[in-house]
N, C-alpha and C. Protein backbone atom coordinates (compact mmCIF):
# COMPACT_ATOMS: atom_id res chain seq x y z
N ALA A 1 31.52 8.83 -21.27
CA ALA A 1 32.16 10.13 -21.15
C ALA A 1 31.37 10.45 -19.63
N GLY A 2 30.32 9.88 -19.54
CA GLY A 2 29.54 10.43 -18.32
C GLY A 2 30.10 9.93 -16.91
N ARG A 3 30.53 8.54 -17.19
CA ARG A 3 31.34 7.95 -16.13
C ARG A 3 32.64 8.46 -15.56
N ALA A 4 33.45 8.93 -16.84
CA ALA A 4 34.69 9.66 -16.76
C ALA A 4 34.88 10.97 -16.01
N ALA A 5 33.27 11.49 -15.86
CA ALA A 5 33.42 12.78 -15.22
C ALA A 5 33.03 12.68 -13.83
N VAL A 6 32.50 11.45 -13.56
CA VAL A 6 32.22 11.16 -12.14
C VAL A 6 33.48 11.46 -10.87
N PRO A 7 34.62 11.25 -10.99
CA PRO A 7 35.68 11.33 -10.37
C PRO A 7 35.99 12.96 -10.02
N ILE A 8 35.67 13.91 -11.39
CA ILE A 8 35.79 15.16 -11.25
C ILE A 8 34.72 15.92 -10.48
N VAL A 9 33.40 15.43 -10.71
CA VAL A 9 32.57 15.87 -10.32
C VAL A 9 32.37 15.47 -8.69
N LEU A 10 32.82 14.50 -8.33
CA LEU A 10 32.36 14.13 -6.74
C LEU A 10 32.93 14.78 -5.75
N PRO A 11 34.03 15.66 -5.76
CA PRO A 11 34.26 16.37 -4.85
C PRO A 11 33.71 17.47 -4.62
N TRP A 12 33.13 17.98 -5.71
CA TRP A 12 32.25 19.38 -5.17
C TRP A 12 30.87 19.02 -4.58
N LEU A 13 30.45 17.47 -4.37
CA LEU A 13 29.72 17.45 -3.41
C LEU A 13 29.74 18.25 -1.93
N LYS A 14 30.99 18.48 -1.56
CA LYS A 14 31.29 18.91 -0.36
C LYS A 14 30.86 20.45 -0.35
N ASP A 15 30.41 21.32 -1.58
CA ASP A 15 30.33 22.49 -1.46
C ASP A 15 28.79 22.35 -1.58
N PRO A 16 28.12 23.22 -0.39
CA PRO A 16 26.62 23.29 -0.26
C PRO A 16 26.29 24.10 -1.38
N GLN A 17 26.91 25.05 -1.67
CA GLN A 17 26.50 25.98 -2.92
C GLN A 17 26.28 25.41 -4.45
N VAL A 18 26.95 23.90 -4.63
CA VAL A 18 26.58 23.57 -5.85
C VAL A 18 26.30 21.98 -5.52
N ARG A 19 26.03 21.72 -4.52
CA ARG A 19 25.57 20.16 -4.03
C ARG A 19 24.42 19.79 -4.66
N ALA A 20 23.44 20.58 -5.17
CA ALA A 20 22.06 20.37 -5.58
C ALA A 20 22.40 19.86 -7.03
N ASP A 21 23.45 20.64 -7.80
CA ASP A 21 23.33 20.54 -9.09
C ASP A 21 24.61 18.93 -9.45
N VAL A 22 25.24 19.05 -8.22
CA VAL A 22 26.25 17.77 -8.38
C VAL A 22 25.28 16.50 -8.47
N CYS A 23 24.23 16.79 -7.51
CA CYS A 23 23.40 15.22 -7.05
C CYS A 23 22.56 15.28 -8.60
N TRP A 24 22.11 16.15 -9.29
CA TRP A 24 21.39 16.04 -10.21
C TRP A 24 22.60 15.25 -11.43
N ILE A 25 23.60 15.88 -11.52
CA ILE A 25 24.70 15.33 -12.38
C ILE A 25 24.83 13.77 -12.15
N LEU A 26 25.19 13.56 -10.85
CA LEU A 26 25.60 12.19 -10.46
C LEU A 26 24.23 10.96 -10.76
N GLY A 27 23.16 11.76 -10.31
CA GLY A 27 21.86 10.95 -10.55
C GLY A 27 21.63 10.73 -12.09
N GLU A 28 21.79 11.41 -12.79
CA GLU A 28 21.86 11.60 -14.41
C GLU A 28 23.06 10.00 -14.66
N ILE A 29 24.01 10.24 -14.44
CA ILE A 29 24.98 9.55 -14.79
C ILE A 29 24.67 7.96 -14.33
N LYS A 30 24.49 8.08 -12.91
CA LYS A 30 24.24 6.76 -12.42
C LYS A 30 24.83 5.51 -12.02
N ASP A 31 26.24 6.27 -11.97
CA ASP A 31 27.30 5.56 -11.51
C ASP A 31 27.72 5.08 -10.19
N SER A 32 27.56 3.69 -9.91
CA SER A 32 27.22 3.23 -8.55
C SER A 32 28.44 3.50 -7.75
N SER A 33 29.64 4.20 -8.21
CA SER A 33 30.55 4.62 -7.17
C SER A 33 30.24 5.78 -6.54
N SER A 34 29.21 6.56 -7.10
CA SER A 34 28.49 7.71 -6.56
C SER A 34 27.64 7.46 -5.41
N VAL A 35 27.40 6.41 -5.14
CA VAL A 35 26.06 6.25 -4.29
C VAL A 35 26.57 6.48 -2.82
N GLU A 36 27.74 5.68 -2.61
CA GLU A 36 28.34 6.05 -1.08
C GLU A 36 28.73 7.38 -0.69
N PRO A 37 29.20 7.98 -1.64
CA PRO A 37 29.39 9.43 -1.34
C PRO A 37 28.53 10.17 -1.14
N ILE A 38 27.27 10.08 -1.87
CA ILE A 38 26.36 10.78 -1.88
C ILE A 38 25.23 10.45 -0.76
N VAL A 39 25.23 9.38 -0.06
CA VAL A 39 24.77 9.07 1.27
C VAL A 39 25.35 9.47 2.32
N GLY A 40 26.89 10.03 2.30
CA GLY A 40 27.34 10.47 3.22
C GLY A 40 26.80 12.01 3.86
N HIS A 41 25.96 12.58 2.69
CA HIS A 41 25.72 14.14 2.94
C HIS A 41 24.15 13.85 3.33
N LEU A 42 23.88 12.75 3.57
CA LEU A 42 22.16 12.68 3.83
C LEU A 42 22.00 13.33 5.65
N GLY A 43 20.66 13.86 5.54
CA GLY A 43 20.69 14.58 7.17
C GLY A 43 21.19 15.78 7.64
N GLN A 44 21.73 16.43 6.69
CA GLN A 44 22.65 17.65 7.17
C GLN A 44 21.58 18.58 7.20
N ALA A 45 20.63 18.86 6.68
CA ALA A 45 19.49 19.90 7.12
C ALA A 45 19.02 19.58 8.27
N GLY A 46 18.82 20.72 9.11
CA GLY A 46 18.58 20.73 10.42
C GLY A 46 16.93 20.58 10.24
N ALA A 47 16.19 20.28 11.41
CA ALA A 47 14.82 19.91 11.33
C ALA A 47 14.01 21.26 11.60
N PRO A 48 13.00 21.15 10.98
CA PRO A 48 12.29 22.55 10.80
C PRO A 48 12.02 23.05 12.08
N PRO A 49 11.64 24.37 12.64
CA PRO A 49 11.43 24.95 13.96
C PRO A 49 9.94 24.16 14.36
N GLY A 50 9.74 23.95 15.53
CA GLY A 50 8.45 23.41 15.76
C GLY A 50 8.06 21.74 15.29
N GLY A 51 9.12 21.13 14.49
CA GLY A 51 8.89 19.96 13.89
C GLY A 51 8.06 19.86 12.91
N MET A 52 8.15 18.53 12.31
CA MET A 52 7.47 18.36 11.08
C MET A 52 6.08 17.52 11.26
N ASP A 53 5.18 17.81 10.14
CA ASP A 53 3.61 17.37 9.91
C ASP A 53 4.08 16.47 8.51
N LEU A 54 3.02 15.54 8.16
CA LEU A 54 3.04 14.53 7.03
C LEU A 54 2.98 15.63 5.97
N ASP A 55 2.07 16.78 6.09
CA ASP A 55 1.91 17.45 4.96
C ASP A 55 2.40 18.88 4.62
N SER A 56 3.09 19.03 5.45
CA SER A 56 3.81 20.59 5.79
C SER A 56 4.95 20.70 4.84
N GLN A 57 4.81 22.09 4.21
CA GLN A 57 6.25 22.56 3.60
C GLN A 57 7.27 22.28 4.12
N ALA A 58 7.59 22.52 5.51
CA ALA A 58 8.61 21.96 6.00
C ALA A 58 9.43 20.74 6.11
N ARG A 59 8.26 19.52 6.10
CA ARG A 59 8.29 18.58 6.00
C ARG A 59 9.07 18.00 4.74
N ALA A 60 8.63 18.48 3.63
CA ALA A 60 8.93 18.64 2.01
C ALA A 60 10.08 18.99 2.04
N GLY A 61 10.60 20.52 2.65
CA GLY A 61 12.05 20.89 2.68
C GLY A 61 13.18 19.84 3.13
N PHE A 62 12.59 19.38 4.25
CA PHE A 62 13.67 18.70 4.83
C PHE A 62 14.03 17.07 4.22
N LEU A 63 12.92 16.71 3.57
CA LEU A 63 13.32 15.12 2.94
C LEU A 63 13.43 15.41 1.70
N ASP A 64 12.67 15.74 1.13
CA ASP A 64 12.70 16.07 -0.59
C ASP A 64 13.76 16.84 -1.15
N GLY A 65 14.98 16.78 -0.60
CA GLY A 65 16.18 17.74 -1.24
C GLY A 65 16.83 16.91 -2.26
N PRO A 66 17.71 17.34 -2.75
CA PRO A 66 18.61 17.03 -4.02
C PRO A 66 19.30 15.57 -3.60
N VAL A 67 19.52 15.45 -2.47
CA VAL A 67 20.24 14.23 -1.96
C VAL A 67 19.32 13.10 -1.98
N THR A 68 18.19 13.16 -1.65
CA THR A 68 17.23 12.24 -1.46
C THR A 68 16.84 11.71 -2.80
N GLU A 69 16.59 12.74 -3.65
CA GLU A 69 16.22 12.46 -4.94
C GLU A 69 17.52 12.05 -6.10
N SER A 70 18.60 12.19 -5.60
CA SER A 70 19.51 11.80 -6.63
C SER A 70 19.59 10.27 -6.04
N LEU A 71 19.62 9.70 -4.76
CA LEU A 71 19.61 8.27 -4.26
C LEU A 71 18.60 7.64 -5.09
N ILE A 72 17.39 8.09 -4.95
CA ILE A 72 15.92 7.28 -5.71
C ILE A 72 16.48 7.08 -6.92
N LYS A 73 17.04 7.92 -7.63
CA LYS A 73 17.54 7.49 -9.26
C LYS A 73 18.42 6.67 -9.45
N PHE A 74 19.16 6.12 -8.01
CA PHE A 74 19.98 5.02 -8.26
C PHE A 74 19.07 3.68 -7.94
N GLY A 75 17.96 3.72 -7.51
CA GLY A 75 17.12 2.66 -7.37
C GLY A 75 17.51 1.58 -6.37
N ASP A 76 17.59 0.52 -6.69
CA ASP A 76 18.31 -0.74 -5.73
C ASP A 76 19.49 -0.53 -5.14
N ARG A 77 20.29 0.27 -6.19
CA ARG A 77 21.87 0.13 -5.81
C ARG A 77 21.79 1.04 -4.39
N SER A 78 21.07 1.85 -4.10
CA SER A 78 21.34 2.84 -2.83
C SER A 78 20.66 1.97 -1.57
N VAL A 79 19.74 0.99 -1.77
CA VAL A 79 19.05 0.36 -0.76
C VAL A 79 20.40 -0.32 0.08
N ARG A 80 21.20 -1.02 -0.22
CA ARG A 80 22.22 -1.62 0.83
C ARG A 80 22.83 -0.46 1.50
N HIS A 81 23.00 0.73 1.07
CA HIS A 81 23.85 1.69 1.64
C HIS A 81 22.89 2.29 2.73
N LEU A 82 21.64 2.25 2.66
CA LEU A 82 20.53 2.95 3.15
C LEU A 82 20.27 1.92 4.35
N ARG A 83 20.15 0.89 4.29
CA ARG A 83 19.24 0.14 5.10
C ARG A 83 20.05 -0.05 6.77
N PRO A 84 21.59 0.10 6.59
CA PRO A 84 22.36 -0.14 8.40
C PRO A 84 21.98 1.65 8.80
N LEU A 85 21.86 2.47 7.79
CA LEU A 85 21.25 4.01 8.41
C LEU A 85 20.24 3.79 9.53
N LEU A 86 19.12 2.93 9.33
CA LEU A 86 18.17 2.98 9.80
C LEU A 86 18.40 3.00 11.57
N ASN A 87 19.58 2.68 11.79
CA ASN A 87 20.34 2.44 13.14
C ASN A 87 21.16 3.51 13.46
N HIS A 88 21.36 4.28 12.75
CA HIS A 88 22.24 5.75 12.81
C HIS A 88 22.06 6.36 14.17
N ARG A 89 23.01 6.96 14.79
CA ARG A 89 23.01 7.76 16.08
C ARG A 89 22.32 9.17 15.77
N GLU A 90 22.25 9.50 14.47
CA GLU A 90 21.93 11.17 14.15
C GLU A 90 20.28 10.52 13.83
N TRP A 91 19.42 11.26 14.51
CA TRP A 91 18.28 11.12 13.90
C TRP A 91 17.66 11.54 12.83
N SER A 92 18.53 12.82 12.16
CA SER A 92 18.21 12.84 10.54
C SER A 92 18.71 12.14 9.75
N ILE A 93 19.55 11.14 9.94
CA ILE A 93 19.79 10.28 9.09
C ILE A 93 18.84 9.14 9.34
N ARG A 94 18.36 8.79 10.28
CA ARG A 94 17.50 7.64 10.63
C ARG A 94 16.29 8.19 9.59
N ALA A 95 15.96 9.29 10.05
CA ALA A 95 14.54 9.62 9.38
C ALA A 95 14.81 9.45 7.63
N HIS A 96 15.82 10.10 7.32
CA HIS A 96 15.95 9.95 5.71
C HIS A 96 15.97 8.73 5.28
N ALA A 97 16.81 7.92 5.94
CA ALA A 97 17.09 6.51 5.40
C ALA A 97 15.47 5.86 5.25
N ALA A 98 14.68 6.04 6.44
CA ALA A 98 13.43 5.37 6.07
C ALA A 98 12.67 5.91 5.14
N TYR A 99 12.39 7.10 5.29
CA TYR A 99 11.90 7.59 3.81
C TYR A 99 12.53 7.39 2.48
N ILE A 100 13.71 7.53 2.25
CA ILE A 100 14.01 6.93 1.18
C ILE A 100 13.94 5.35 0.89
N LEU A 101 13.91 4.94 1.70
CA LEU A 101 13.80 3.11 1.61
C LEU A 101 12.37 3.00 1.17
N ALA A 102 11.52 3.69 1.79
CA ALA A 102 10.00 3.67 1.57
C ALA A 102 9.74 4.06 0.07
N ARG A 103 10.04 5.24 -0.18
CA ARG A 103 10.01 5.72 -1.63
C ARG A 103 10.48 4.57 -2.77
N LEU A 104 11.79 3.82 -2.35
CA LEU A 104 11.88 2.97 -3.26
C LEU A 104 11.61 1.51 -3.06
N GLY A 105 10.45 1.52 -2.22
CA GLY A 105 9.68 0.53 -2.17
C GLY A 105 10.37 -1.06 -1.61
N ASP A 106 11.08 -0.42 -0.49
CA ASP A 106 11.96 -1.73 -0.11
C ASP A 106 11.13 -2.32 0.85
N GLY A 107 10.33 -3.33 0.71
CA GLY A 107 9.43 -4.00 1.64
C GLY A 107 10.43 -4.62 2.49
N THR A 108 11.57 -5.39 2.35
CA THR A 108 12.35 -5.70 2.98
C THR A 108 12.63 -5.11 4.35
N SER A 109 12.57 -3.66 4.27
CA SER A 109 13.21 -2.76 5.52
C SER A 109 11.84 -2.51 6.19
N ALA A 110 10.67 -3.08 6.17
CA ALA A 110 9.61 -2.37 6.59
C ALA A 110 9.56 -2.96 8.13
N PRO A 111 10.06 -4.05 8.74
CA PRO A 111 10.18 -4.42 10.11
C PRO A 111 11.01 -3.18 10.98
N ALA A 112 12.76 -2.87 10.17
CA ALA A 112 13.30 -1.94 10.97
C ALA A 112 12.70 -0.44 10.83
N ILE A 113 11.94 0.10 9.81
CA ILE A 113 11.14 1.20 9.56
C ILE A 113 9.95 1.21 10.44
N ARG A 114 9.20 0.05 10.75
CA ARG A 114 8.07 -0.08 11.70
C ARG A 114 8.92 0.29 13.40
N ALA A 115 10.02 -0.24 13.42
CA ALA A 115 10.39 -0.02 14.73
C ALA A 115 10.79 1.32 15.00
N LEU A 116 11.14 2.23 14.08
CA LEU A 116 11.29 3.79 14.33
C LEU A 116 9.85 4.23 14.75
N LEU A 117 8.78 3.51 14.69
CA LEU A 117 7.61 4.34 15.10
C LEU A 117 7.64 4.60 16.37
N GLU A 118 8.35 3.75 17.35
CA GLU A 118 8.79 3.91 18.65
C GLU A 118 10.15 4.63 18.96
N ASP A 119 10.49 5.40 17.62
CA ASP A 119 11.77 6.11 18.31
C ASP A 119 11.81 7.28 19.43
N GLY A 120 12.80 7.54 20.01
CA GLY A 120 12.59 8.49 21.11
C GLY A 120 12.58 9.96 20.42
N ASN A 121 12.77 10.33 18.92
CA ASN A 121 12.58 11.77 18.43
C ASN A 121 11.39 11.62 17.78
N PRO A 122 10.53 12.63 17.98
CA PRO A 122 9.20 12.69 17.38
C PRO A 122 9.40 12.86 15.65
N ASP A 123 10.43 13.61 15.50
CA ASP A 123 10.56 13.82 13.73
C ASP A 123 10.78 12.56 13.34
N VAL A 124 11.55 11.63 13.89
CA VAL A 124 11.68 10.36 13.30
C VAL A 124 10.65 9.67 13.24
N ILE A 125 9.92 9.65 14.48
CA ILE A 125 8.30 8.94 14.09
C ILE A 125 7.55 9.48 13.03
N VAL A 126 7.48 10.90 13.04
CA VAL A 126 6.64 11.39 11.84
C VAL A 126 7.16 10.59 10.50
N CYS A 127 8.47 10.87 10.36
CA CYS A 127 9.00 10.10 8.93
C CYS A 127 8.68 8.67 8.97
N ALA A 128 8.70 8.08 9.95
CA ALA A 128 8.25 6.45 9.86
C ALA A 128 7.09 6.50 9.71
N MET A 129 6.15 7.20 10.11
CA MET A 129 4.65 6.96 9.82
C MET A 129 4.66 7.38 8.15
N GLU A 130 5.29 8.20 8.02
CA GLU A 130 5.00 8.42 6.33
C GLU A 130 5.75 7.34 5.52
N ALA A 131 6.65 6.83 6.17
CA ALA A 131 7.30 5.54 5.62
C ALA A 131 6.37 4.53 5.24
N VAL A 132 5.75 4.04 6.28
CA VAL A 132 4.93 2.88 6.52
C VAL A 132 3.77 3.20 5.82
N GLY A 133 3.05 4.21 5.55
CA GLY A 133 1.98 4.63 4.67
C GLY A 133 2.42 4.15 3.22
N LEU A 134 3.81 4.93 2.80
CA LEU A 134 4.24 4.66 1.44
C LEU A 134 4.52 3.10 1.18
N LEU A 135 4.94 2.36 2.25
CA LEU A 135 4.88 0.88 1.98
C LEU A 135 3.68 0.29 2.27
N GLN A 136 2.47 0.98 2.38
CA GLN A 136 1.40 0.35 2.69
C GLN A 136 1.63 -1.15 3.66
N ASP A 137 2.23 -0.80 4.79
CA ASP A 137 2.73 -1.56 5.87
C ASP A 137 1.49 -1.86 6.97
N THR A 138 0.83 -2.41 7.01
CA THR A 138 -0.61 -2.81 7.71
C THR A 138 -0.19 -3.37 9.09
N ASP A 139 0.95 -4.02 9.26
CA ASP A 139 1.36 -4.40 10.50
C ASP A 139 1.76 -3.10 11.39
N ALA A 140 1.67 -2.21 10.92
CA ALA A 140 2.16 -1.04 11.85
C ALA A 140 0.68 -0.28 12.29
N ILE A 141 -0.23 -1.05 12.12
CA ILE A 141 -1.46 -0.57 12.68
C ILE A 141 -1.78 -0.50 14.20
N PRO A 142 -1.14 -1.70 15.01
CA PRO A 142 -1.32 -1.42 16.42
C PRO A 142 -0.54 -0.35 16.95
N VAL A 143 0.84 -0.27 16.67
CA VAL A 143 1.59 1.19 16.73
C VAL A 143 1.08 2.56 16.64
N LEU A 144 0.45 2.50 15.52
CA LEU A 144 -0.06 3.80 15.12
C LEU A 144 -1.43 3.95 15.95
N ALA A 145 -2.04 2.91 16.54
CA ALA A 145 -3.35 2.86 17.33
C ALA A 145 -3.06 3.84 18.75
N ALA A 146 -1.84 2.98 19.04
CA ALA A 146 -1.16 3.40 20.52
C ALA A 146 -1.26 5.13 20.29
N TYR A 147 -0.93 5.68 19.37
CA TYR A 147 -0.37 6.87 19.32
C TYR A 147 -2.10 7.68 19.57
N LEU A 148 -2.85 7.23 19.14
CA LEU A 148 -4.16 7.98 19.41
C LEU A 148 -4.52 8.31 20.85
N ARG A 149 -3.78 7.66 21.59
CA ARG A 149 -4.15 8.32 23.26
C ARG A 149 -2.77 8.97 23.53
N SER A 150 -2.24 9.44 22.59
CA SER A 150 -0.87 10.13 23.03
C SER A 150 -1.35 11.85 23.19
N GLU A 151 -0.42 12.39 24.09
CA GLU A 151 -0.70 14.16 24.58
C GLU A 151 0.02 14.70 23.44
N ASN A 152 0.62 14.06 22.55
CA ASN A 152 1.45 14.98 21.45
C ASN A 152 0.51 15.06 20.11
N MET A 153 -0.11 16.23 20.12
CA MET A 153 -1.20 16.19 18.91
C MET A 153 -0.76 15.90 17.45
N ARG A 154 0.64 16.51 17.54
CA ARG A 154 1.32 16.19 16.21
C ARG A 154 1.33 14.56 16.09
N LEU A 155 1.50 14.23 16.72
CA LEU A 155 1.93 12.49 16.64
C LEU A 155 0.58 11.76 16.40
N VAL A 156 -0.51 12.30 16.94
CA VAL A 156 -1.76 11.81 17.10
C VAL A 156 -2.50 12.14 15.74
N ASN A 157 -2.21 13.56 14.90
CA ASN A 157 -2.65 13.83 13.61
C ASN A 157 -1.97 13.17 12.77
N CYS A 158 -0.67 12.75 12.82
CA CYS A 158 0.21 12.15 11.88
C CYS A 158 -0.14 10.38 11.68
N ALA A 159 -0.30 9.78 12.94
CA ALA A 159 -0.95 8.40 13.26
C ALA A 159 -2.12 8.50 12.50
N LEU A 160 -3.41 9.40 12.67
CA LEU A 160 -4.71 9.27 12.02
C LEU A 160 -4.48 9.68 10.43
N GLN A 161 -3.61 10.23 9.86
CA GLN A 161 -3.08 10.51 8.79
C GLN A 161 -2.88 9.24 7.95
N THR A 162 -1.83 8.84 8.65
CA THR A 162 -1.21 7.50 7.98
C THR A 162 -2.29 6.07 8.14
N MET A 163 -3.13 6.03 9.11
CA MET A 163 -4.02 5.19 9.26
C MET A 163 -5.28 5.13 7.94
N VAL A 164 -5.40 6.31 7.63
CA VAL A 164 -6.30 6.55 6.44
C VAL A 164 -5.53 6.06 4.94
N VAL A 165 -4.34 6.78 4.85
CA VAL A 165 -3.37 6.37 3.86
C VAL A 165 -3.51 5.09 3.67
N LEU A 166 -3.18 3.98 4.77
CA LEU A 166 -3.02 2.50 4.80
C LEU A 166 -4.42 2.12 3.93
N GLY A 167 -5.52 2.62 4.52
CA GLY A 167 -6.54 2.56 3.64
C GLY A 167 -7.14 1.30 4.11
N SER A 168 -6.99 0.34 5.60
CA SER A 168 -7.12 -0.81 5.99
C SER A 168 -8.48 -1.03 7.10
N ALA A 169 -9.40 -2.06 6.88
CA ALA A 169 -10.48 -2.12 7.54
C ALA A 169 -9.78 -2.64 8.93
N ALA A 170 -8.90 -2.85 9.10
CA ALA A 170 -8.31 -3.49 10.41
C ALA A 170 -8.03 -2.41 11.35
N SER A 171 -8.03 -1.14 10.65
CA SER A 171 -7.85 0.30 11.70
C SER A 171 -9.10 0.84 12.35
N LEU A 172 -10.18 0.37 11.60
CA LEU A 172 -11.63 0.90 11.91
C LEU A 172 -11.93 0.66 13.64
N PRO A 173 -11.67 -0.66 14.16
CA PRO A 173 -11.89 -0.83 15.53
C PRO A 173 -11.17 0.02 16.62
N ALA A 174 -9.82 0.10 16.48
CA ALA A 174 -9.27 0.87 17.08
C ALA A 174 -9.64 2.42 17.07
N LEU A 175 -9.95 2.81 15.93
CA LEU A 175 -10.27 4.41 15.48
C LEU A 175 -11.75 4.64 16.32
N GLU A 176 -12.66 3.61 16.29
CA GLU A 176 -13.85 3.83 16.45
C GLU A 176 -14.11 3.59 17.92
N GLU A 177 -13.11 2.68 18.84
CA GLU A 177 -13.15 2.56 20.14
C GLU A 177 -12.59 3.78 20.82
N ALA A 178 -11.56 4.59 20.17
CA ALA A 178 -10.63 5.74 20.67
C ALA A 178 -11.83 6.88 20.46
N THR A 179 -12.66 6.85 19.26
CA THR A 179 -13.82 7.75 19.44
C THR A 179 -14.65 7.61 20.59
N ALA A 180 -15.06 6.94 20.74
CA ALA A 180 -16.31 6.36 21.66
C ALA A 180 -15.91 6.76 23.00
N GLN A 181 -14.31 6.44 23.55
CA GLN A 181 -14.10 6.80 24.56
C GLN A 181 -13.21 8.32 25.07
N GLN A 182 -13.32 8.85 23.71
CA GLN A 182 -12.68 10.42 24.07
C GLN A 182 -13.63 11.33 24.42
N LYS A 183 -13.38 11.98 25.43
CA LYS A 183 -14.20 13.09 25.92
C LYS A 183 -14.15 14.61 25.59
N ASP A 184 -12.74 14.71 25.07
CA ASP A 184 -12.49 16.15 24.42
C ASP A 184 -12.98 16.32 23.26
N LEU A 185 -13.91 16.95 22.98
CA LEU A 185 -14.67 17.55 21.96
C LEU A 185 -14.03 17.58 20.71
N GLN A 186 -12.63 18.67 20.80
CA GLN A 186 -12.09 18.51 19.51
C GLN A 186 -11.31 17.36 18.90
N ARG A 187 -10.82 16.62 20.36
CA ARG A 187 -10.06 15.24 19.61
C ARG A 187 -11.21 14.29 19.21
N ARG A 188 -12.35 14.48 19.47
CA ARG A 188 -13.51 13.50 19.40
C ARG A 188 -13.71 13.60 17.80
N ARG A 189 -14.04 15.00 17.32
CA ARG A 189 -14.37 15.51 16.04
C ARG A 189 -13.04 14.85 15.26
N LEU A 190 -11.81 14.92 15.70
CA LEU A 190 -10.80 14.69 14.70
C LEU A 190 -10.80 13.13 14.53
N LEU A 191 -10.87 12.24 15.64
CA LEU A 191 -11.08 10.99 15.50
C LEU A 191 -12.14 10.50 14.55
N THR A 192 -13.63 10.98 14.53
CA THR A 192 -14.69 11.09 13.83
C THR A 192 -14.51 11.30 12.21
N ASN A 193 -13.69 12.34 12.35
CA ASN A 193 -13.32 12.93 10.59
C ASN A 193 -12.38 11.41 10.20
N ALA A 194 -11.77 11.03 10.90
CA ALA A 194 -10.96 10.19 10.42
C ALA A 194 -11.52 8.84 10.17
N VAL A 195 -12.21 8.40 10.83
CA VAL A 195 -13.04 7.26 10.78
C VAL A 195 -13.92 7.27 9.56
N ASN A 196 -14.61 8.47 9.24
CA ASN A 196 -15.20 9.00 8.16
C ASN A 196 -14.37 8.94 6.87
N ARG A 197 -13.38 9.13 6.71
CA ARG A 197 -12.47 9.36 5.99
C ARG A 197 -11.83 7.99 5.29
N LEU A 198 -11.81 7.10 6.60
CA LEU A 198 -11.04 5.75 6.18
C LEU A 198 -12.15 4.89 5.51
N LYS A 199 -13.41 5.12 5.91
CA LYS A 199 -14.71 4.18 5.22
C LYS A 199 -14.79 4.92 3.90
N GLY A 200 -14.60 6.07 3.53
CA GLY A 200 -14.45 6.44 2.15
C GLY A 200 -13.59 5.81 1.32
N VAL A 201 -12.26 5.85 2.09
CA VAL A 201 -11.47 5.04 1.29
C VAL A 201 -11.46 3.44 0.81
N ILE A 202 -11.96 3.07 2.01
CA ILE A 202 -12.37 1.44 2.00
C ILE A 202 -13.47 1.12 1.05
N SER A 203 -14.50 2.16 1.23
CA SER A 203 -15.45 1.90 0.00
C SER A 203 -15.07 2.28 -1.29
N GLN A 204 -14.19 3.30 -1.68
CA GLN A 204 -13.77 3.36 -2.96
C GLN A 204 -12.76 2.34 -3.06
N HIS A 205 -11.89 1.67 -2.57
CA HIS A 205 -11.18 0.39 -2.74
C HIS A 205 -11.96 -0.70 -3.22
N SER A 206 -13.21 -0.94 -2.40
CA SER A 206 -14.27 -1.90 -2.65
C SER A 206 -14.81 -2.05 -4.03
N ALA A 207 -14.97 -0.66 -4.30
CA ALA A 207 -15.92 -0.39 -5.37
C ALA A 207 -14.70 -0.63 -7.02
N SER A 208 -13.80 -0.10 -6.43
CA SER A 208 -12.71 -0.56 -7.96
C SER A 208 -12.43 -1.96 -7.95
N VAL A 209 -12.49 -2.59 -6.99
CA VAL A 209 -12.00 -4.02 -7.01
C VAL A 209 -13.22 -5.07 -7.40
N ALA A 210 -14.28 -4.52 -7.36
CA ALA A 210 -15.63 -5.29 -7.20
C ALA A 210 -15.59 -6.00 -8.72
N PRO A 211 -16.49 -6.90 -8.73
CA PRO A 211 -16.26 -7.77 -10.36
C PRO A 211 -17.59 -7.20 -10.81
N GLU A 212 -17.36 -7.08 -12.20
CA GLU A 212 -18.50 -6.36 -12.77
C GLU A 212 -19.47 -7.49 -12.92
N PRO A 213 -20.81 -6.89 -12.77
CA PRO A 213 -21.92 -8.01 -12.52
C PRO A 213 -22.25 -8.99 -14.05
N ALA A 214 -22.56 -10.03 -13.85
CA ALA A 214 -22.86 -11.02 -14.97
C ALA A 214 -23.60 -10.30 -15.77
N ARG A 215 -23.63 -10.34 -16.94
CA ARG A 215 -24.49 -9.97 -17.95
C ARG A 215 -25.66 -10.94 -18.28
N SER A 216 -26.84 -10.44 -18.41
CA SER A 216 -28.09 -11.10 -18.55
C SER A 216 -27.92 -12.08 -19.63
N LYS A 217 -28.34 -13.42 -19.70
CA LYS A 217 -28.09 -14.26 -20.71
C LYS A 217 -29.11 -13.68 -21.99
N GLY A 218 -30.31 -13.15 -21.50
CA GLY A 218 -31.18 -12.53 -22.63
C GLY A 218 -30.57 -11.38 -23.43
N LEU A 219 -29.65 -10.62 -22.90
CA LEU A 219 -28.75 -9.57 -23.57
C LEU A 219 -27.66 -10.46 -24.68
N LEU A 220 -27.32 -11.41 -24.35
CA LEU A 220 -26.45 -12.51 -25.22
C LEU A 220 -26.90 -12.95 -26.50
N ARG A 221 -28.09 -13.01 -26.27
CA ARG A 221 -28.99 -13.56 -27.32
C ARG A 221 -29.16 -12.44 -28.66
N ARG A 222 -28.74 -13.05 -29.86
CA ARG A 222 -28.82 -12.35 -30.91
C ARG A 222 -30.34 -12.11 -31.83
N GLY A 223 -30.95 -11.32 -32.35
CA GLY A 223 -32.06 -11.41 -32.66
C GLY A 223 -32.37 -12.19 -33.75
């Protein structure tokens, strides 16, 4: 009965008033024929005024809409439709494709998503930074480190957040060098804070994977 409803429901995707409900219904039915029409409605929301930050409400409103959530419900069936969109001419579609593929954990898309870190649109770069963080793509660290010298403080902040999310000791040399060379007090504090946060993440990770200390032989003896 669910699949029979798909041809009836699909045309309503064009109506923005009911699109969220239609996406939810199609995501629940999970009929593969729905994926391509849903993908066709990616990136229709405009960018938030002033651009996006990784933890801003505006970013969440832009990326985490009903189209995104519906495509995630389809899992791997969405991937082949999304990968080509990483090179789409519309920046908002590139941004959405990178984010959704990362949410789906598609590691094979990591090199193409990493390339978007050098996109000409700052909002695509921010979305790509979030995506490499979700994928735990430590190969992105050199490009992220290059942004520490950027004049665009939004990109500097997002690069720092992503490096902390990656939680890799490989980021520390670049962060510590940038901190030592930074003369601006505010930026130096920002970098110092990121170094300390990253060290905390690394320390927590090390503690969580450390082997339990061997029990003393004496404790194993029975009275």
